[in-house]
């Protein structure tokens, strides 16, 4: 593999960073809000599943216990 000197490396990094399309403030805000919404919905879902399993297991244990 060919080795590049540090100056060439820095030039290549700068040219690659210039190609990056950075998100707008609005896009960052919208995706952040969506992440919080999905995390909340996931937490509610798993809380309900936990409640359902706990209630069912308590019912089974009360029936046989």
C-alpha atoms as a PDB file:
ATOM      1  CA  UNK A   1       0.000   0.000   0.000  1.00  0.00           C
ATOM      2  CA  UNK A   2       1.343   3.415  -0.945  1.00  0.00           C
ATOM      3  CA  UNK A   3       2.217   5.722   1.894  1.00  0.00           C
ATOM      4  CA  UNK A   4       1.333   9.403   1.761  1.00  0.00           C
ATOM      5  CA  UNK A   5       3.101  12.131   3.600  1.00  0.00           C
ATOM      6  CA  UNK A   6       1.216  14.050   6.333  1.00  0.00           C
ATOM      7  CA  UNK A   7       0.623  17.104   4.132  1.00  0.00           C
ATOM      8  CA  UNK A   8      -1.027  15.014   1.400  1.00  0.00           C
ATOM      9  CA  UNK A   9      -3.078  13.224   4.016  1.00  0.00           C
ATOM     10  CA  UNK A  10      -4.399  16.490   5.462  1.00  0.00           C
ATOM     11  CA  UNK A  11      -5.234  17.756   1.962  1.00  0.00           C
ATOM     12  CA  UNK A  12      -7.123  14.565   1.202  1.00  0.00           C
ATOM     13  CA  UNK A  13      -9.029  14.755   4.481  1.00  0.00           C
ATOM     14  CA  UNK A  14      -9.998  18.371   3.812  1.00  0.00           C
ATOM     15  CA  UNK A  15     -11.232  17.504   0.314  1.00  0.00           C
ATOM     16  CA  UNK A  16     -13.312  14.598   1.660  1.00  0.00           C
ATOM     17  CA  UNK A  17     -14.801  16.710   4.466  1.00  0.00           C
ATOM     18  CA  UNK A  18     -15.775  19.319   1.870  1.00  0.00           C
ATOM     19  CA  UNK A  19     -17.918  16.646   0.152  1.00  0.00           C
ATOM     20  CA  UNK A  20     -19.964  15.978   3.292  1.00  0.00           C
ATOM     21  CA  UNK A  21     -23.533  17.263   3.178  1.00  0.00           C
ATOM     22  CA  UNK A  22     -24.287  18.521   6.665  1.00  0.00           C
ATOM     23  CA  UNK A  23     -27.924  18.464   7.877  1.00  0.00           C
ATOM     24  CA  UNK A  24     -29.765  21.700   8.438  1.00  0.00           C
ATOM     25  CA  UNK A  25     -30.840  22.810  11.888  1.00  0.00           C
ATOM     26  CA  UNK A  26     -34.438  21.890  11.015  1.00  0.00           C
ATOM     27  CA  UNK A  27     -33.459  18.367   9.945  1.00  0.00           C
ATOM     28  CA  UNK A  28     -31.517  17.828  13.163  1.00  0.00           C
ATOM     29  CA  UNK A  29     -34.452  19.085  15.227  1.00  0.00           C
ATOM     30  CA  UNK A  30     -36.962  16.867  13.408  1.00  0.00           C
ATOM     31  CA  UNK A  31     -34.854  13.737  13.683  1.00  0.00           C
ATOM     32  CA  UNK A  32     -34.205  14.419  17.381  1.00  0.00           C
ATOM     33  CA  UNK A  33     -37.929  14.801  18.039  1.00  0.00           C
ATOM     34  CA  UNK A  34     -38.621  11.584  16.111  1.00  0.00           C
ATOM     35  CA  UNK A  35     -36.057   9.701  18.188  1.00  0.00           C
ATOM     36  CA  UNK A  36     -37.676  10.898  21.424  1.00  0.00           C
ATOM     37  CA  UNK A  37     -41.151   9.951  20.140  1.00  0.00           C
ATOM     38  CA  UNK A  38     -40.010   6.464  19.093  1.00  0.00           C
ATOM     39  CA  UNK A  39     -38.191   5.934  22.398  1.00  0.00           C
ATOM     40  CA  UNK A  40     -41.345   6.925  24.301  1.00  0.00           C
ATOM     41  CA  UNK A  41     -43.547   4.633  22.215  1.00  0.00           C
ATOM     42  CA  UNK A  42     -41.107   1.761  22.692  1.00  0.00           C
ATOM     43  CA  UNK A  43     -41.017   2.328  26.465  1.00  0.00           C
ATOM     44  CA  UNK A  44     -44.838   2.351  26.621  1.00  0.00           C
ATOM     45  CA  UNK A  45     -45.020  -0.830  24.524  1.00  0.00           C
ATOM     46  CA  UNK A  46     -42.586  -2.731  26.723  1.00  0.00           C
ATOM     47  CA  UNK A  47     -44.267  -1.451  29.904  1.00  0.00           C
ATOM     48  CA  UNK A  48     -47.598  -2.811  28.644  1.00  0.00           C
ATOM     49  CA  UNK A  49     -46.037  -6.137  27.643  1.00  0.00           C
ATOM     50  CA  UNK A  50     -44.402  -6.365  31.077  1.00  0.00           C
ATOM     51  CA  UNK A  51     -47.725  -5.611  32.782  1.00  0.00           C
ATOM     52  CA  UNK A  52     -49.498  -8.249  30.677  1.00  0.00           C
ATOM     53  CA  UNK A  53     -46.890 -10.928  31.397  1.00  0.00           C
ATOM     54  CA  UNK A  54     -46.781 -10.065  35.124  1.00  0.00           C
ATOM     55  CA  UNK A  55     -50.583 -10.186  35.417  1.00  0.00           C
ATOM     56  CA  UNK A  56     -50.759 -13.484  33.553  1.00  0.00           C
ATOM     57  CA  UNK A  57     -48.005 -15.033  35.623  1.00  0.00           C
ATOM     58  CA  UNK A  58     -49.579 -13.870  38.884  1.00  0.00           C
ATOM     59  CA  UNK A  59     -52.882 -15.363  37.753  1.00  0.00           C
ATOM     60  CA  UNK A  60     -51.271 -18.694  36.947  1.00  0.00           C
ATOM     61  CA  UNK A  61     -49.362 -18.750  40.236  1.00  0.00           C
ATOM     62  CA  UNK A  62     -52.502 -17.823  42.210  1.00  0.00           C
ATOM     63  CA  UNK A  63     -54.450 -20.584  40.469  1.00  0.00           C
ATOM     64  CA  UNK A  64     -51.882 -23.288  41.222  1.00  0.00           C
ATOM     65  CA  UNK A  65     -50.450 -21.837  44.420  1.00  0.00           C
END
